[in-house]
Structure formats: C-alpha cells, structure tokens
C-alpha cells in the first residue's frame, strides 16, 4: 500500500505542471555547401567583383 501515496503525489504534481509551449523553428537548407564562403563574404560587405579580382 506504500505505492498509492507516491502515485497520488505524482499525479498531483503532474496536474499542477504548466503545459509545454511550442516555438516555431526555421531551418535553412543550402543546396551546396560550397556557397557558404560566398554568403559570409556577402554578409561582411565584400562584393563579387572583389572576389573575382583575387585570382
């Protein structure tokens, strides 16, 4: 009979628990990983003409 008080306490705590809140998560997918340096260069202000002059 020791199980009944423990089960009752567990059910009481479960009833008082706040429901979980779901968040919206956005995931971006790159078609090819080789574009990564171009995205970083664009975010840092480098233009494509500057990148082509480095050769």
Protein backbone atom coordinates (compact mmCIF):
# COMPACT_ATOMS: atom_id res chain seq x y z
CA UNK A 1 0.00 0.00 0.00
CA UNK A 2 3.02 2.30 0.01
CA UNK A 3 2.65 2.74 -3.73
CA UNK A 4 -0.71 4.57 -3.52
CA UNK A 5 0.55 7.75 -1.74
CA UNK A 6 3.51 8.02 -4.11
CA UNK A 7 1.28 7.61 -7.15
CA UNK A 8 -1.18 10.17 -5.78
CA UNK A 9 1.62 12.68 -5.16
CA UNK A 10 2.97 12.12 -8.66
CA UNK A 11 -0.46 12.67 -10.22
CA UNK A 12 -0.96 15.85 -8.16
CA UNK A 13 2.40 17.25 -9.34
CA UNK A 14 1.64 16.30 -12.94
CA UNK A 15 -1.71 18.09 -12.75
CA UNK A 16 -0.05 21.27 -11.44
CA UNK A 17 2.69 21.34 -14.07
CA UNK A 18 2.44 24.05 -16.71
CA UNK A 19 1.77 22.85 -20.25
CA UNK A 20 4.70 22.95 -22.66
CA UNK A 21 4.94 25.88 -25.05
CA UNK A 22 5.88 25.14 -28.65
CA UNK A 23 8.17 27.51 -30.55
CA UNK A 24 8.42 27.99 -34.28
CA UNK A 25 11.82 26.98 -35.59
CA UNK A 26 13.02 27.98 -39.05
CA UNK A 27 15.63 25.84 -40.74
CA UNK A 28 17.52 26.92 -43.86
CA UNK A 29 19.00 24.42 -46.26
CA UNK A 30 21.84 25.08 -48.71
CA UNK A 31 21.78 23.13 -51.97
CA UNK A 32 25.58 23.01 -52.00
CA UNK A 33 27.97 23.67 -49.10
CA UNK A 34 30.45 25.43 -51.39
CA UNK A 35 28.21 28.52 -51.36
CA UNK A 36 28.99 29.12 -47.67
CA UNK A 37 32.04 31.37 -48.22
CA UNK A 38 30.04 33.48 -50.68
CA UNK A 39 27.29 34.04 -48.11
CA UNK A 40 29.86 35.02 -45.47
CA UNK A 41 31.66 37.38 -47.88
CA UNK A 42 28.33 39.00 -48.80
CA UNK A 43 27.42 39.50 -45.12
CA UNK A 44 30.83 41.08 -44.44
CA UNK A 45 30.42 43.55 -47.30
CA UNK A 46 32.67 42.05 -49.97
CA UNK A 47 31.33 42.29 -53.49
CA UNK A 48 31.58 39.55 -56.11
CA UNK A 49 33.86 41.74 -58.24
CA UNK A 50 36.36 41.96 -55.37
CA UNK A 51 36.33 38.16 -55.04
CA UNK A 52 36.95 37.67 -58.76
CA UNK A 53 39.95 40.06 -58.69
CA UNK A 54 41.80 37.88 -56.19
CA UNK A 55 42.83 35.34 -58.88
